[in-house]
Amino acid sequence: MRTYGNPVIPGFHPDPSVCRVGDDYYLVCSSFEYFPGIPLFHSRDLVHWRQIGNVLDRPGQLALPDDVPASGGVYAPTIRHHDGIFHVVTTAVGAGGTFLVTAERPEGPWSDPVWIDLPGIDPDLAWDENGDCWCAMAGVTAARIDPRTGEVLEGPLPTWSGTGLRDPEAPHLYRVGDWWYLLIAEGGTALGHGISAARARSPRGPWEPAPGNPLLSHRGTGLPVQCTGHGDLVRAADGGWWMVLLGTRPRGYFPEFHVLGRETFLVPVEWADGWPRLGPVRERHPAPAAWAPVQPPPARDDFTGTELAPHWISPRRRPAGCWSLTERPGWLTLAATGDSTDLPGHTFVGRRQQHHDCRAAVLLDAGPSARAGLSVRLDEAHHYDLEVAGGAASVIARIGPVRQCVASHPVPAGPVTLAVDIRATRNPPPLSGPDAIAFSVETSEGLVRPATLDGRYLASEVAGGFTGRVLGMYVTEGRAAFDWFSYESVG
């Protein structure tokens, strides 16, 4: 029997939403404070996903100011296809509220935002048999809107807010047969997370809760996948049903730590007695009928293109003057826009850490007046940096209010290879973190390994928030060039 492995999109890819158009599937995730916003993926089998762009890829669509905190920004998008048009609706927390963008093709271009005056987060879109568009919001409420203008035509109306657990959110409305189904998450997005459902004959209700609620929750279990919730249903081309949802893979000794953020998982769905049924999220499940192997993306970027690949992200914004692929052809040149990785506004270009055991490396030419390096970032207050400046390579740890230079080693002038090797802790003893983060520096004079740090301090259980680690290049003084960046799983 063919099986697939979970998560289907590893690393910091939470709050997944999916739609099918013919034989093609399209999926979006939350991006929070990062730009470009809302990564967009394509698949032909629901298992193998390739990022084809970002929905919010222009400053005119998404302008996050410096006072948007880490884990603020773009929350829980929903993607739907209706009357030949793709729609994505989302909320920019701290930057304007709920808005809708559209495109004729998933690759874009996507429109400028159409703002919707509805309170809450986690917006959803569904169309009824009359062609009316309904927008459900966390809380849970639903309103009839005009998707072309954002005008609220009716509501918001109270719907069904779950079984009484905290934080009813992530509503999705579906018309299946003669019933409308409302899927929500409740219990909080941490270990109490779960998915529940209700149904009605109309989006206006009244709502009948599913007798088996929650339909899915891993709370109180010892399963390797935890925090399961925030799901979205999709019907496959062969008539089968599936759900994408978020979960975490904690590591280390109690209380355990998840460092990759909330990831995207896939589970099969069956219908019985008029209700969706789904079991626990396993690390392996029987594969969908359309399953087909695909070639993984290259592990190294040599910066030979004219645009950055869509997986490269930056905190809040990426001004045109802070990066260039043409100033030094074949290199990514970064210019400082802020003087500290501890504060918003600095120049940073990174990619999500997607594996517990991995290696990232760069070839950096910093020059005599630059301060630049390789960072393992969770937010401005929680990151480890391997920094080159003033003839030395230093490992700097920022943990909450504390910033410390852990180790420093002289390096000669000229290009230097910086690397970070991350390994999950095996059979951890008491008080052990989830992984070890080891830094190395290679120059013409040889290889040195200045420091290895405990990874628990770059985990949500310590730092808080909704994101995961991002590995990236930064400059906080002058200009520096990066010849290549490599990332690979070593598990």
Protein backbone atom coordinates (compact mmCIF):
# COMPACT_ATOMS: atom_id res chain seq x y z
CA MET A 1 0.00 0.00 0.00
CA ARG A 2 1.32 3.44 -0.91
CA THR A 3 1.54 5.83 2.01
CA TYR A 4 2.44 9.48 2.46
CA GLY A 5 4.26 11.15 5.31
CA ASN A 6 3.00 13.99 7.48
CA PRO A 7 3.41 16.92 7.61
CA VAL A 8 2.80 17.49 3.91
CA ILE A 9 4.17 21.07 4.21
CA PRO A 10 6.74 21.07 7.03
CA GLY A 11 7.95 24.10 8.93
CA PHE A 12 6.13 27.30 9.84
CA HIS A 13 3.04 26.91 7.61
CA PRO A 14 0.02 27.26 9.92
CA ASP A 15 -3.72 27.75 9.38
CA PRO A 16 -3.89 25.99 6.00
CA SER A 17 -6.81 26.54 3.62
CA VAL A 18 -7.30 24.62 0.39
CA CYS A 19 -9.47 24.61 -2.73
CA ARG A 20 -9.65 22.39 -5.81
CA VAL A 21 -10.02 23.54 -9.41
CA GLY A 22 -10.33 20.54 -11.72
CA ASP A 23 -7.37 18.29 -10.96
CA ASP A 24 -5.37 21.05 -9.27
CA TYR A 25 -5.25 21.97 -5.60
CA TYR A 26 -4.20 25.33 -4.19
CA LEU A 27 -3.30 26.00 -0.57
CA VAL A 28 -2.48 29.11 1.47
CA CYS A 29 -1.15 29.62 5.00
CA SER A 30 -0.73 32.40 7.55
CA SER A 31 2.42 34.51 7.25
CA PHE A 32 2.04 36.83 10.30
CA GLU A 33 4.68 39.59 10.32
CA TYR A 34 6.59 38.33 7.27
CA PHE A 35 6.68 39.78 3.75
CA PRO A 36 5.78 38.64 1.13
CA GLY A 37 2.54 37.53 2.74
CA ILE A 38 0.42 34.38 2.37
CA PRO A 39 2.53 31.67 0.71
CA LEU A 40 0.61 29.94 -2.10
CA PHE A 41 1.16 26.27 -2.96
CA HIS A 42 0.05 24.01 -5.81
CA SER A 43 -0.42 20.22 -5.84
CA ARG A 44 -1.94 17.55 -8.08
CA ASP A 45 -2.30 14.94 -5.32
CA LEU A 46 -2.69 16.81 -1.96
CA VAL A 47 0.63 15.35 -0.77
CA HIS A 48 3.37 16.98 -2.84
CA TRP A 49 3.16 20.77 -2.66
CA ARG A 50 5.25 23.35 -4.52
CA GLN A 51 5.24 27.02 -3.62
CA ILE A 52 4.30 28.97 -6.75
CA GLY A 53 4.20 32.44 -5.22
CA ASN A 54 2.82 34.67 -2.50
CA VAL A 55 -0.62 36.27 -2.60
CA LEU A 56 0.56 39.53 -1.02
CA ASP A 57 3.77 40.28 -2.91
CA ARG A 58 3.55 44.07 -3.36
CA PRO A 59 3.95 46.78 -0.71
CA GLY A 60 0.68 48.28 -1.96
CA GLN A 61 -1.13 45.12 -0.86
CA LEU A 62 0.65 44.66 2.46
CA ALA A 63 2.47 47.39 4.35
CA LEU A 64 3.26 46.26 7.88
CA PRO A 65 4.69 49.07 10.04
CA ASP A 66 7.45 48.47 12.57
CA ASP A 67 4.99 48.62 15.46
CA VAL A 68 3.26 45.44 14.27
CA PRO A 69 4.70 42.98 16.79
CA ALA A 70 6.09 39.55 16.11
CA SER A 71 3.14 37.19 15.52
CA GLY A 72 1.02 40.16 14.43
CA GLY A 73 0.20 40.78 10.79
CA VAL A 74 -1.54 38.37 8.44
CA TYR A 75 -3.77 35.77 10.11
CA ALA A 76 -5.56 32.70 8.76
CA PRO A 77 -6.34 33.25 5.08
CA THR A 78 -9.04 31.29 3.25
CA ILE A 79 -8.75 30.48 -0.46
CA ARG A 80 -11.80 29.75 -2.62
CA HIS A 81 -12.54 29.57 -6.37
CA HIS A 82 -15.91 30.87 -7.57
CA ASP A 83 -17.19 31.81 -11.04
CA GLY A 84 -13.71 31.47 -12.52
CA ILE A 85 -12.06 33.77 -9.98
CA PHE A 86 -9.71 32.92 -7.10
CA HIS A 87 -10.54 34.67 -3.83
CA VAL A 88 -8.33 34.95 -0.74
CA VAL A 89 -9.71 36.62 2.39
CA THR A 90 -7.61 37.31 5.47
CA THR A 91 -7.08 39.70 8.38
CA ALA A 92 -4.07 41.99 8.86
CA VAL A 93 -3.92 42.27 12.66
CA GLY A 94 -2.56 45.67 13.60
CA ALA A 95 -2.55 46.81 9.98
CA GLY A 96 -6.09 47.51 8.82
CA GLY A 97 -8.32 44.51 9.53
CA THR A 98 -10.07 42.09 7.17
CA PHE A 99 -9.72 42.28 3.39
CA LEU A 100 -10.23 40.28 0.21
CA VAL A 101 -8.00 39.94 -2.86
CA THR A 102 -8.79 38.21 -6.16
CA ALA A 103 -6.99 36.83 -9.22
CA GLU A 104 -7.86 35.11 -12.47
CA ARG A 105 -4.81 32.86 -12.14
CA PRO A 106 -3.34 31.55 -8.89
CA GLU A 107 0.12 32.79 -9.92
CA GLY A 108 -1.37 36.29 -9.97
CA PRO A 109 -1.33 39.14 -10.27
CA TRP A 110 -3.57 39.43 -7.22
CA SER A 111 -5.68 42.54 -6.80
CA ASP A 112 -5.25 45.31 -4.27
CA PRO A 113 -7.23 44.72 -1.06
CA VAL A 114 -10.98 45.17 -0.81
CA TRP A 115 -11.65 45.94 2.86
CA ILE A 116 -14.53 44.32 4.77
CA ASP A 117 -15.89 46.02 7.90
CA LEU A 118 -16.36 42.95 10.09
CA PRO A 119 -14.91 42.38 13.56
CA GLY A 120 -12.70 39.41 14.32
CA ILE A 121 -10.14 37.25 12.55
CA ASP A 122 -10.02 34.00 10.54
CA PRO A 123 -12.45 35.03 7.76
CA ASP A 124 -14.04 32.45 5.47
CA LEU A 125 -15.96 32.71 2.18
CA ALA A 126 -18.82 30.57 0.85
CA TRP A 127 -21.50 31.09 -1.81
CA ASP A 128 -25.10 29.91 -1.45
CA GLU A 129 -27.47 28.62 -4.13
CA ASN A 130 -28.60 32.20 -4.87
CA GLY A 131 -25.05 33.32 -5.58
CA ASP A 132 -24.83 35.30 -2.33
CA CYS A 133 -21.43 35.41 -0.65
CA TRP A 134 -21.15 34.67 3.08
CA CYS A 135 -18.18 35.61 5.25
CA ALA A 136 -17.80 33.77 8.56
CA MET A 137 -15.51 35.16 11.27
CA ALA A 138 -13.99 33.81 14.48
CA GLY A 139 -16.34 34.25 17.32
CA VAL A 140 -18.35 32.78 15.50
CA THR A 141 -20.48 35.02 13.24
CA ALA A 142 -21.51 35.07 9.59
CA ALA A 143 -22.40 37.97 7.32
CA ARG A 144 -23.64 38.28 3.76
CA ILE A 145 -21.26 40.53 1.83
CA ASP A 146 -20.61 41.91 -1.63
CA PRO A 147 -17.16 40.50 -2.46
CA ARG A 148 -16.60 43.14 -5.16
CA THR A 149 -16.91 46.09 -2.78
CA GLY A 150 -16.60 44.53 0.70
CA GLU A 151 -19.99 45.97 1.71
CA VAL A 152 -21.76 44.08 4.49
CA LEU A 153 -25.29 43.39 3.24
CA GLU A 154 -26.62 41.39 6.19
CA GLY A 155 -25.34 40.67 9.69
CA PRO A 156 -23.03 39.76 11.22
CA LEU A 157 -25.31 37.04 12.60
CA PRO A 158 -24.36 34.80 15.54
CA THR A 159 -23.94 31.19 14.45
CA TRP A 160 -22.57 28.31 16.55
CA SER A 161 -19.62 28.88 18.84
CA GLY A 162 -18.64 25.34 19.68
CA THR A 163 -18.97 23.15 22.76
CA GLY A 164 -17.99 25.82 25.28
CA LEU A 165 -14.20 25.56 25.01
CA ARG A 166 -12.04 28.65 24.69
CA ASP A 167 -11.30 30.55 21.48
CA PRO A 168 -13.89 29.35 18.94
CA GLU A 169 -12.19 30.31 15.67
CA ALA A 170 -11.20 29.22 12.16
CA PRO A 171 -14.79 28.89 10.85
CA HIS A 172 -15.35 27.34 7.44
CA LEU A 173 -18.77 27.01 5.78
CA TYR A 174 -19.56 24.26 3.25
CA ARG A 175 -22.64 23.28 1.31
CA VAL A 176 -22.76 19.46 1.13
CA GLY A 177 -26.00 18.02 -0.20
CA ASP A 178 -28.97 19.66 1.49
CA TRP A 179 -26.95 20.77 4.52
CA TRP A 180 -24.66 23.64 5.40
CA TYR A 181 -21.76 22.51 7.59
CA LEU A 182 -19.80 24.83 9.89
CA LEU A 183 -16.35 23.62 10.86
CA ILE A 184 -14.55 25.45 13.67
CA ALA A 185 -11.47 25.12 15.85
CA GLU A 186 -11.80 25.47 19.62
CA GLY A 187 -9.80 24.87 22.78
CA GLY A 188 -7.03 27.33 21.93
CA THR A 189 -4.29 26.78 19.37
CA ALA A 190 -1.99 25.01 21.86
CA LEU A 191 -2.33 21.52 23.36
CA GLY A 192 -6.09 21.89 23.84
CA HIS A 193 -6.74 22.49 20.16
CA GLY A 194 -9.50 20.57 18.39
CA ILE A 195 -11.98 20.62 15.52
CA SER A 196 -15.76 20.58 15.96
CA ALA A 197 -18.71 20.87 13.59
CA ALA A 198 -22.37 21.81 13.34
CA ARG A 199 -24.91 21.83 10.50
CA ALA A 200 -27.96 23.79 9.40
CA ARG A 201 -30.27 24.13 6.43
CA SER A 202 -29.14 27.71 5.86
CA PRO A 203 -26.07 29.86 6.65
CA ARG A 204 -28.42 31.74 8.98
CA GLY A 205 -28.99 28.61 11.10
CA PRO A 206 -30.31 27.24 13.39
CA TRP A 207 -27.27 25.06 14.00
CA GLU A 208 -27.20 21.44 15.15
CA PRO A 209 -23.90 20.33 16.77
CA ALA A 210 -22.30 17.10 15.62
CA PRO A 211 -22.96 14.32 18.15
CA GLY A 212 -19.31 13.27 18.16
CA ASN A 213 -17.67 16.65 18.83
CA PRO A 214 -14.79 17.19 18.79
CA LEU A 215 -14.31 15.52 15.45
CA LEU A 216 -10.57 15.60 16.05
CA SER A 217 -8.32 16.49 18.98
CA HIS A 218 -5.03 15.12 20.27
CA ARG A 219 -5.39 16.79 23.66
CA GLY A 220 -4.27 14.55 26.51
CA THR A 221 -2.66 11.98 24.19
CA GLY A 222 0.92 10.88 23.74
CA LEU A 223 0.75 11.05 19.95
CA PRO A 224 3.80 12.58 18.23
CA VAL A 225 1.65 15.22 16.51
CA GLN A 226 0.03 17.71 18.90
CA CYS A 227 -2.04 20.94 18.82
CA THR A 228 -4.16 19.58 15.95
CA GLY A 229 -6.83 21.97 14.70
CA HIS A 230 -7.76 24.74 12.27
CA GLY A 231 -8.85 22.40 9.49
CA ASP A 232 -10.29 22.93 6.00
CA LEU A 233 -12.16 20.30 3.98
CA VAL A 234 -11.68 19.58 0.28
CA ARG A 235 -13.34 17.06 -2.03
CA ALA A 236 -10.87 15.28 -4.29
CA ALA A 237 -11.40 14.71 -8.00
CA ASP A 238 -12.24 11.04 -7.32
CA GLY A 239 -15.03 12.03 -4.89
CA GLY A 240 -13.09 11.32 -1.69
CA TRP A 241 -12.77 13.87 1.09
CA TRP A 242 -9.66 15.16 2.83
CA MET A 243 -8.74 17.74 5.42
CA VAL A 244 -5.69 19.93 5.75
CA LEU A 245 -5.01 21.16 9.28
CA LEU A 246 -2.26 22.45 11.49
CA GLY A 247 -0.29 20.58 14.13
CA THR A 248 3.05 20.60 15.91
CA ARG A 249 5.81 18.06 16.46
CA PRO A 250 7.22 18.75 19.94
CA ARG A 251 10.64 17.49 21.00
CA GLY A 252 12.78 17.35 24.14
CA TYR A 253 12.03 16.66 27.78
CA PHE A 254 8.90 17.92 29.57
CA PRO A 255 7.18 20.21 28.78
CA GLU A 256 8.56 19.56 25.27
CA PHE A 257 9.17 22.28 22.71
CA HIS A 258 8.01 22.81 19.15
CA VAL A 259 10.56 24.81 17.20
CA LEU A 260 9.34 24.56 13.60
CA GLY A 261 6.09 26.36 14.29
CA ARG A 262 2.68 24.94 13.41
CA GLU A 263 2.86 22.83 10.26
CA THR A 264 0.40 21.62 7.61
CA PHE A 265 -0.89 18.05 7.91
CA LEU A 266 -3.28 16.00 5.77
CA VAL A 267 -5.87 13.44 6.95
CA PRO A 268 -8.52 11.39 5.12
CA VAL A 269 -12.19 12.12 5.87
CA GLU A 270 -15.18 9.80 5.72
CA TRP A 271 -18.87 10.66 5.97
CA ALA A 272 -21.21 8.66 8.20
CA ASP A 273 -24.77 9.45 9.32
CA GLY A 274 -24.55 12.87 7.71
CA TRP A 275 -21.35 13.95 9.49
CA PRO A 276 -17.64 14.04 8.60
CA ARG A 277 -15.52 11.49 10.46
CA LEU A 278 -11.75 11.59 10.83
CA GLY A 279 -9.27 9.81 13.03
CA PRO A 280 -6.01 10.85 14.64
CA VAL A 281 -3.32 12.51 12.56
CA ARG A 282 -0.67 9.90 11.86
CA GLU A 283 2.85 10.38 10.63
CA ARG A 284 1.89 8.05 7.77
CA HIS A 285 -1.50 7.51 6.08
CA PRO A 286 -2.68 5.62 2.97
CA ALA A 287 -1.98 7.86 0.01
CA PRO A 288 -4.66 9.58 -2.10
CA ALA A 289 -5.50 7.93 -5.42
CA ALA A 290 -3.74 10.70 -7.34
CA TRP A 291 -0.47 10.32 -5.39
CA ALA A 292 2.61 10.70 -7.57
CA PRO A 293 6.26 11.29 -6.59
CA VAL A 294 7.81 14.62 -7.49
CA GLN A 295 11.33 15.97 -7.52
CA PRO A 296 12.15 18.04 -4.43
CA PRO A 297 13.30 21.64 -4.95
CA PRO A 298 17.05 22.33 -5.05
CA ALA A 299 18.76 22.67 -1.70
CA ARG A 300 20.94 25.57 -2.80
CA ASP A 301 20.17 29.03 -4.18
CA ASP A 302 23.01 30.57 -6.20
CA PHE A 303 21.15 33.87 -6.69
CA THR A 304 21.48 33.79 -10.45
CA GLY A 305 17.87 34.81 -11.20
CA THR A 306 16.32 38.22 -11.58
CA GLU A 307 13.92 37.83 -8.62
CA LEU A 308 14.14 36.15 -5.25
CA ALA A 309 12.43 32.76 -5.03
CA PRO A 310 9.01 32.89 -3.33
CA HIS A 311 10.17 31.07 -0.20
CA TRP A 312 12.44 33.98 0.82
CA ILE A 313 10.77 36.15 3.48
CA SER A 314 11.63 39.26 5.49
CA PRO A 315 10.15 40.71 8.70
CA ARG A 316 7.36 43.23 7.87
CA ARG A 317 8.74 44.54 4.57
CA ARG A 318 11.60 44.38 2.10
CA PRO A 319 12.39 47.82 0.68
CA ALA A 320 13.74 47.80 -2.87
CA GLY A 321 16.94 49.54 -1.83
CA CYS A 322 17.97 46.94 0.76
CA TRP A 323 18.58 44.03 -1.63
CA SER A 324 19.88 43.46 -5.15
CA LEU A 325 20.61 40.54 -7.45
CA THR A 326 22.20 42.78 -10.11
CA GLU A 327 24.65 44.91 -8.14
CA ARG A 328 27.01 41.94 -8.07
CA PRO A 329 25.70 39.34 -10.53
CA GLY A 330 25.42 35.87 -9.05
CA TRP A 331 25.35 37.28 -5.51
CA LEU A 332 22.59 38.60 -3.24
CA THR A 333 23.73 42.00 -1.98
CA LEU A 334 22.07 43.30 1.18
CA ALA A 335 22.27 46.86 2.55
CA ALA A 336 21.63 47.75 6.18
CA THR A 337 18.33 49.46 7.02
CA GLY A 338 18.61 49.06 10.80
CA ASP A 339 21.52 48.61 13.17
CA SER A 340 20.34 45.63 15.24
CA THR A 341 18.65 42.26 14.76
CA ASP A 342 17.03 42.96 18.14
CA LEU A 343 14.82 45.69 16.65
CA PRO A 344 12.33 45.87 13.79
CA GLY A 345 13.56 47.52 10.62
CA HIS A 346 16.77 45.61 10.00
CA THR A 347 17.60 43.91 6.69
CA PHE A 348 16.93 40.18 6.82
CA VAL A 349 16.18 37.62 4.11
CA GLY A 350 15.46 34.09 5.27
CA ARG A 351 13.59 30.84 4.77
CA ARG A 352 11.65 28.63 7.14
CA GLN A 353 13.38 25.82 9.01
CA GLN A 354 11.46 22.75 7.87
CA HIS A 355 13.27 19.79 9.44
CA HIS A 356 14.38 18.95 12.96
CA ASP A 357 17.75 17.78 11.63
CA CYS A 358 19.09 20.20 9.05
CA ARG A 359 22.03 22.29 7.91
CA ALA A 360 22.07 25.80 6.48
CA ALA A 361 25.18 27.53 5.11
CA VAL A 362 26.14 30.69 3.24
CA LEU A 363 29.19 32.12 1.56
CA LEU A 364 29.49 35.70 2.84
CA ASP A 365 31.69 38.51 1.63
CA ALA A 366 31.19 41.18 4.29
CA GLY A 367 33.93 43.69 3.51
CA PRO A 368 35.82 45.75 6.10
CA SER A 369 32.98 48.11 7.06
CA ALA A 370 30.04 45.67 7.16
CA ARG A 371 28.33 43.79 9.95
CA ALA A 372 26.50 40.78 8.57
CA GLY A 373 25.84 37.14 9.18
CA LEU A 374 23.61 34.09 9.41
CA SER A 375 20.73 34.04 11.91
CA VAL A 376 18.40 31.46 13.46
CA ARG A 377 15.39 33.67 14.16
CA LEU A 378 12.14 33.28 16.04
CA ASP A 379 11.55 36.99 16.69
CA GLU A 380 13.50 40.13 17.60
CA ALA A 381 13.87 38.97 21.20
CA HIS A 382 14.78 35.34 20.47
CA HIS A 383 17.49 34.58 17.93
CA TYR A 384 21.03 33.25 17.58
CA ASP A 385 23.37 35.07 15.17
CA LEU A 386 26.69 34.06 13.64
CA GLU A 387 28.05 37.50 12.80
CA VAL A 388 31.11 38.73 10.90
CA ALA A 389 32.42 42.22 11.73
CA GLY A 390 35.74 43.88 12.54
CA GLY A 391 37.84 40.88 11.55
CA ALA A 392 36.00 38.39 13.79
CA ALA A 393 33.15 35.91 13.59
CA SER A 394 31.02 35.94 16.73
CA VAL A 395 28.13 33.84 18.01
CA ILE A 396 25.56 36.12 19.65
CA ALA A 397 22.56 34.89 21.62
CA ARG A 398 19.51 37.06 22.24
CA ILE A 399 17.11 35.43 24.73
CA GLY A 400 14.40 37.71 26.04
CA PRO A 401 16.02 40.73 27.71
CA VAL A 402 19.53 39.22 27.57
CA ARG A 403 21.97 39.67 24.68
CA GLN A 404 25.36 37.97 24.99
CA CYS A 405 28.37 37.31 22.78
CA VAL A 406 28.93 33.61 23.47
CA ALA A 407 32.12 33.12 21.45
CA SER A 408 34.33 34.99 18.99
CA HIS A 409 37.09 33.92 16.61
CA PRO A 410 39.30 36.01 14.29
CA VAL A 411 38.74 35.57 10.55
CA PRO A 412 40.84 36.84 7.63
CA ALA A 413 39.54 39.34 5.11
CA GLY A 414 37.58 37.95 2.19
CA PRO A 415 34.73 35.47 1.73
CA VAL A 416 33.86 33.20 4.63
CA THR A 417 31.48 30.25 4.86
CA LEU A 418 29.08 30.37 7.79
CA ALA A 419 27.01 27.32 8.74
CA VAL A 420 24.50 26.20 11.32
CA ASP A 421 23.88 22.52 12.03
CA ILE A 422 20.71 21.70 13.96
CA ARG A 423 20.18 18.25 15.46
CA ALA A 424 17.22 17.03 17.47
CA THR A 425 17.99 15.70 20.92
CA ARG A 426 17.85 11.91 21.09
CA ASN A 427 16.68 10.16 24.29
CA PRO A 428 16.88 13.43 26.22
CA PRO A 429 17.93 13.43 29.86
CA PRO A 430 16.00 15.60 32.34
CA LEU A 431 16.05 19.33 31.58
CA SER A 432 17.14 18.71 28.00
CA GLY A 433 16.04 21.00 25.19
CA PRO A 434 14.57 19.92 21.85
CA ASP A 435 17.75 20.28 19.81
CA ALA A 436 21.32 21.54 19.64
CA ILE A 437 22.27 24.44 17.34
CA ALA A 438 25.94 24.31 16.33
CA PHE A 439 27.72 27.12 14.46
CA SER A 440 30.81 26.79 12.28
CA VAL A 441 33.05 29.14 10.29
CA GLU A 442 35.26 28.10 7.39
CA THR A 443 37.90 30.32 5.82
CA SER A 444 41.06 29.86 3.82
CA GLU A 445 42.76 29.20 7.15
CA GLY A 446 40.53 26.29 8.14
CA LEU A 447 37.32 25.35 10.00
CA VAL A 448 36.35 26.43 13.52
CA ARG A 449 33.25 25.63 15.56
CA PRO A 450 32.88 28.49 18.03
CA ALA A 451 29.71 27.44 19.88
CA THR A 452 26.79 25.05 20.26
CA LEU A 453 23.62 26.38 21.89
CA ASP A 454 20.48 24.87 23.41
CA GLY A 455 17.54 25.22 21.05
CA ARG A 456 14.80 25.49 23.67
CA TYR A 457 15.18 29.28 23.86
CA LEU A 458 14.13 29.57 20.22
CA ALA A 459 10.85 27.73 20.79
CA SER A 460 7.30 29.00 21.16
CA GLU A 461 7.07 27.51 24.65
CA VAL A 462 9.75 30.02 25.72
CA ALA A 463 9.22 32.96 23.36
CA GLY A 464 5.45 32.76 22.90
CA GLY A 465 3.78 33.64 19.61
CA PHE A 466 2.48 31.76 16.61
CA THR A 467 5.46 31.47 14.26
CA GLY A 468 8.42 29.11 13.84
CA ARG A 469 12.12 29.42 13.18
CA VAL A 470 13.45 31.18 10.10
CA LEU A 471 17.06 30.76 8.95
CA GLY A 472 18.44 33.74 7.13
CA MET A 473 21.00 36.29 6.06
CA TYR A 474 21.19 39.76 7.57
CA VAL A 475 23.13 43.02 7.45
CA THR A 476 23.06 45.62 10.24
CA GLU A 477 25.94 47.84 9.08
CA GLY A 478 27.14 48.74 5.58
CA ARG A 479 26.65 46.32 2.68
CA ALA A 480 27.47 42.64 2.28
CA ALA A 481 27.12 40.06 -0.48
CA PHE A 482 26.09 36.40 -0.29
CA ASP A 483 27.23 34.10 -3.09
CA TRP A 484 24.91 31.22 -2.21
CA PHE A 485 22.65 29.86 0.51
CA SER A 486 22.18 26.13 1.00
CA TYR A 487 19.61 24.30 3.11
CA GLU A 488 19.23 20.56 3.46
CA SER A 489 17.62 17.98 5.67
CA VAL A 490 20.16 15.63 7.18
CA GLY A 491 17.72 13.26 8.91
